[in-house]
Amino acid sequence: MIQNTEDLKDFILKILDDKKAENISTIDLGENNPLAKYIIIASGRSVKNVSAIADIVSMEVKHNTQINVKLEGLNNSDWVLVDCG
């Protein structure tokens, strides 16, 4: 069950690992940042792979939380931002 930002971070990292995302990095922005607690960065093997990973992360987070996930850059998929609030 996802109850806090730490749980959400771990949940997303597991999805990325399961879907074979590459170069996964986590940046802890600290408690006092009003915009975000963490930034997670990952790569894919191709544009299609990046798009698929972003879609899966978005769907899984929506399905398992009450978070309204927003996606940016999915049309071209050379980069995608998944905003989980």
N, C-alpha and C. Protein backbone atom coordinates (compact mmCIF):
# COMPACT_ATOMS: atom_id res chain seq x y z
N MET A 1 0.84 -1.18 0.00
CA MET A 1 0.00 0.00 0.00
C MET A 1 0.89 1.25 0.00
N ILE A 2 0.57 2.18 -0.84
CA ILE A 2 1.34 3.42 -0.95
C ILE A 2 0.73 4.46 -0.02
N GLN A 3 1.51 4.86 1.00
CA GLN A 3 0.99 5.77 2.00
C GLN A 3 1.76 7.08 2.08
N ASN A 4 2.94 7.15 1.47
CA ASN A 4 3.73 8.38 1.55
C ASN A 4 4.67 8.48 0.34
N THR A 5 5.44 9.56 0.27
CA THR A 5 6.31 9.76 -0.89
C THR A 5 7.41 8.71 -0.98
N GLU A 6 7.86 8.22 0.15
CA GLU A 6 8.89 7.17 0.15
C GLU A 6 8.34 5.88 -0.48
N ASP A 7 7.11 5.53 -0.12
CA ASP A 7 6.46 4.35 -0.71
C ASP A 7 6.26 4.53 -2.21
N LEU A 8 5.84 5.72 -2.62
CA LEU A 8 5.63 6.01 -4.04
C LEU A 8 6.95 5.92 -4.81
N LYS A 9 8.02 6.46 -4.24
CA LYS A 9 9.33 6.37 -4.87
C LYS A 9 9.73 4.92 -5.06
N ASP A 10 9.60 4.11 -4.02
CA ASP A 10 9.96 2.69 -4.10
C ASP A 10 9.10 1.95 -5.12
N PHE A 11 7.81 2.28 -5.17
CA PHE A 11 6.89 1.66 -6.11
C PHE A 11 7.31 1.97 -7.55
N ILE A 12 7.63 3.22 -7.83
CA ILE A 12 8.05 3.62 -9.18
C ILE A 12 9.38 2.98 -9.54
N LEU A 13 10.31 2.94 -8.60
CA LEU A 13 11.60 2.30 -8.87
C LEU A 13 11.44 0.81 -9.19
N LYS A 14 10.51 0.15 -8.52
CA LYS A 14 10.26 -1.26 -8.81
C LYS A 14 9.69 -1.44 -10.22
N ILE A 15 8.77 -0.58 -10.60
CA ILE A 15 8.21 -0.66 -11.95
C ILE A 15 9.31 -0.45 -12.99
N LEU A 16 10.14 0.56 -12.77
CA LEU A 16 11.22 0.84 -13.72
C LEU A 16 12.18 -0.35 -13.83
N ASP A 17 12.49 -0.95 -12.71
CA ASP A 17 13.38 -2.12 -12.71
C ASP A 17 12.71 -3.29 -13.43
N ASP A 18 11.45 -3.54 -13.12
CA ASP A 18 10.71 -4.65 -13.74
C ASP A 18 10.61 -4.49 -15.25
N LYS A 19 10.50 -3.26 -15.72
CA LYS A 19 10.35 -2.99 -17.16
C LYS A 19 11.68 -2.74 -17.85
N LYS A 20 12.75 -3.04 -17.15
CA LYS A 20 14.11 -2.98 -17.71
C LYS A 20 14.53 -1.58 -18.15
N ALA A 21 14.08 -0.55 -17.41
CA ALA A 21 14.58 0.80 -17.65
C ALA A 21 16.07 0.81 -17.32
N GLU A 22 16.80 1.69 -17.97
CA GLU A 22 18.26 1.74 -17.79
C GLU A 22 18.66 3.03 -17.07
N ASN A 23 19.85 3.02 -16.50
CA ASN A 23 20.45 4.21 -15.88
C ASN A 23 19.50 4.89 -14.89
N ILE A 24 18.89 4.13 -14.02
CA ILE A 24 17.92 4.66 -13.06
C ILE A 24 18.66 5.40 -11.96
N SER A 25 18.26 6.66 -11.74
CA SER A 25 18.85 7.50 -10.70
C SER A 25 17.74 8.17 -9.90
N THR A 26 17.98 8.36 -8.63
CA THR A 26 17.04 9.08 -7.77
C THR A 26 17.75 10.26 -7.15
N ILE A 27 17.12 11.42 -7.22
CA ILE A 27 17.65 12.63 -6.60
C ILE A 27 16.70 13.02 -5.48
N ASP A 28 17.21 13.07 -4.26
CA ASP A 28 16.41 13.49 -3.11
C ASP A 28 16.51 15.01 -2.99
N LEU A 29 15.38 15.69 -3.15
CA LEU A 29 15.35 17.15 -3.11
C LEU A 29 15.17 17.69 -1.70
N GLY A 30 14.96 16.82 -0.75
CA GLY A 30 14.85 17.25 0.64
C GLY A 30 13.42 17.57 1.04
N GLU A 31 13.23 17.72 2.31
CA GLU A 31 11.91 17.96 2.89
C GLU A 31 11.38 19.37 2.63
N ASN A 32 12.26 20.33 2.43
CA ASN A 32 11.83 21.73 2.34
C ASN A 32 11.55 22.21 0.94
N ASN A 33 11.60 21.34 -0.06
CA ASN A 33 11.31 21.73 -1.42
C ASN A 33 9.81 21.67 -1.65
N PRO A 34 9.17 22.80 -2.02
CA PRO A 34 7.71 22.80 -2.18
C PRO A 34 7.23 22.09 -3.46
N LEU A 35 8.11 21.85 -4.42
CA LEU A 35 7.69 21.27 -5.69
C LEU A 35 7.72 19.75 -5.71
N ALA A 36 8.73 19.17 -5.10
CA ALA A 36 8.87 17.72 -5.17
C ALA A 36 9.78 17.23 -4.07
N LYS A 37 9.64 15.98 -3.71
CA LYS A 37 10.53 15.33 -2.74
C LYS A 37 11.64 14.59 -3.47
N TYR A 38 11.29 13.95 -4.60
CA TYR A 38 12.25 13.17 -5.37
C TYR A 38 12.10 13.47 -6.86
N ILE A 39 13.20 13.31 -7.57
CA ILE A 39 13.19 13.24 -9.02
C ILE A 39 13.82 11.89 -9.36
N ILE A 40 13.13 11.13 -10.18
CA ILE A 40 13.64 9.84 -10.63
C ILE A 40 13.90 9.96 -12.13
N ILE A 41 15.10 9.59 -12.54
CA ILE A 41 15.49 9.68 -13.94
C ILE A 41 15.83 8.28 -14.42
N ALA A 42 15.34 7.94 -15.62
CA ALA A 42 15.63 6.62 -16.20
C ALA A 42 15.70 6.74 -17.72
N SER A 43 16.40 5.81 -18.33
CA SER A 43 16.51 5.76 -19.79
C SER A 43 15.85 4.51 -20.31
N GLY A 44 15.58 4.52 -21.62
CA GLY A 44 15.07 3.34 -22.29
C GLY A 44 15.96 3.02 -23.48
N ARG A 45 15.73 1.85 -24.06
CA ARG A 45 16.56 1.40 -25.17
C ARG A 45 16.18 2.04 -26.50
N SER A 46 14.96 2.55 -26.60
CA SER A 46 14.48 3.15 -27.84
C SER A 46 13.34 4.11 -27.51
N VAL A 47 12.91 4.88 -28.50
CA VAL A 47 11.78 5.80 -28.31
C VAL A 47 10.53 5.02 -27.92
N LYS A 48 10.32 3.90 -28.57
CA LYS A 48 9.15 3.05 -28.27
C LYS A 48 9.22 2.52 -26.84
N ASN A 49 10.42 2.13 -26.39
CA ASN A 49 10.61 1.62 -25.04
C ASN A 49 10.35 2.71 -24.00
N VAL A 50 10.85 3.93 -24.26
CA VAL A 50 10.62 5.05 -23.34
C VAL A 50 9.12 5.32 -23.21
N SER A 51 8.41 5.32 -24.33
CA SER A 51 6.97 5.55 -24.32
C SER A 51 6.24 4.46 -23.52
N ALA A 52 6.61 3.22 -23.74
CA ALA A 52 5.97 2.11 -23.03
C ALA A 52 6.22 2.18 -21.53
N ILE A 53 7.44 2.48 -21.14
CA ILE A 53 7.77 2.58 -19.71
C ILE A 53 6.97 3.71 -19.07
N ALA A 54 6.90 4.86 -19.73
CA ALA A 54 6.15 6.00 -19.18
C ALA A 54 4.67 5.66 -19.05
N ASP A 55 4.11 4.99 -20.05
CA ASP A 55 2.70 4.58 -19.99
C ASP A 55 2.44 3.63 -18.82
N ILE A 56 3.33 2.67 -18.64
CA ILE A 56 3.15 1.69 -17.56
C ILE A 56 3.27 2.35 -16.19
N VAL A 57 4.28 3.21 -16.02
CA VAL A 57 4.42 3.92 -14.74
C VAL A 57 3.16 4.73 -14.46
N SER A 58 2.70 5.47 -15.45
CA SER A 58 1.50 6.29 -15.30
C SER A 58 0.28 5.46 -14.92
N MET A 59 0.04 4.38 -15.65
CA MET A 59 -1.13 3.54 -15.38
C MET A 59 -1.06 2.88 -14.00
N GLU A 60 0.12 2.38 -13.63
CA GLU A 60 0.27 1.71 -12.33
C GLU A 60 0.09 2.69 -11.16
N VAL A 61 0.66 3.88 -11.30
CA VAL A 61 0.50 4.87 -10.23
C VAL A 61 -0.96 5.28 -10.11
N LYS A 62 -1.63 5.54 -11.24
CA LYS A 62 -3.06 5.89 -11.21
C LYS A 62 -3.88 4.77 -10.58
N HIS A 63 -3.57 3.53 -10.95
CA HIS A 63 -4.34 2.37 -10.47
C HIS A 63 -4.15 2.13 -8.97
N ASN A 64 -2.97 2.42 -8.45
CA ASN A 64 -2.65 2.09 -7.06
C ASN A 64 -2.70 3.27 -6.10
N THR A 65 -2.99 4.45 -6.60
CA THR A 65 -3.08 5.64 -5.74
C THR A 65 -4.24 6.51 -6.21
N GLN A 66 -4.46 7.58 -5.54
CA GLN A 66 -5.46 8.57 -5.95
C GLN A 66 -4.80 9.75 -6.67
N ILE A 67 -3.58 9.56 -7.14
CA ILE A 67 -2.80 10.64 -7.76
C ILE A 67 -3.24 10.82 -9.22
N ASN A 68 -3.43 12.08 -9.60
CA ASN A 68 -3.73 12.42 -10.98
C ASN A 68 -2.40 12.62 -11.72
N VAL A 69 -1.92 11.59 -12.38
CA VAL A 69 -0.63 11.61 -13.05
C VAL A 69 -0.74 12.40 -14.35
N LYS A 70 0.28 13.23 -14.61
CA LYS A 70 0.33 14.01 -15.85
C LYS A 70 1.57 13.60 -16.63
N LEU A 71 1.42 13.49 -17.95
CA LEU A 71 2.54 13.13 -18.83
C LEU A 71 2.85 14.30 -19.78
N GLU A 72 4.12 14.56 -19.95
CA GLU A 72 4.58 15.57 -20.91
C GLU A 72 5.61 14.90 -21.81
N GLY A 73 5.58 15.20 -23.11
CA GLY A 73 6.58 14.71 -24.03
C GLY A 73 6.31 13.33 -24.59
N LEU A 74 5.14 12.76 -24.31
CA LEU A 74 4.86 11.39 -24.74
C LEU A 74 4.71 11.28 -26.25
N ASN A 75 4.28 12.34 -26.91
CA ASN A 75 4.08 12.29 -28.37
C ASN A 75 5.36 11.94 -29.12
N ASN A 76 6.48 12.56 -28.76
CA ASN A 76 7.75 12.26 -29.43
C ASN A 76 8.52 11.16 -28.71
N SER A 77 8.40 11.10 -27.41
CA SER A 77 9.00 10.08 -26.55
C SER A 77 10.52 10.01 -26.59
N ASP A 78 11.18 11.06 -27.10
CA ASP A 78 12.62 11.07 -26.92
C ASP A 78 12.93 11.48 -25.48
N TRP A 79 11.95 12.08 -24.81
CA TRP A 79 11.96 12.29 -23.36
C TRP A 79 10.51 12.31 -22.90
N VAL A 80 10.25 11.90 -21.69
CA VAL A 80 8.90 11.94 -21.13
C VAL A 80 9.02 12.33 -19.67
N LEU A 81 8.17 13.27 -19.26
CA LEU A 81 8.07 13.66 -17.85
C LEU A 81 6.78 13.05 -17.30
N VAL A 82 6.91 12.26 -16.25
CA VAL A 82 5.76 11.69 -15.57
C VAL A 82 5.63 12.41 -14.24
N ASP A 83 4.64 13.28 -14.13
CA ASP A 83 4.44 14.08 -12.92
C ASP A 83 3.42 13.39 -12.03
N CYS A 84 3.91 12.91 -10.88
CA CYS A 84 3.06 12.18 -9.92
C CYS A 84 2.68 13.05 -8.75
N GLY A 85 2.62 14.35 -8.98
CA GLY A 85 2.20 15.26 -7.93
C GLY A 85 3.28 15.58 -7.04
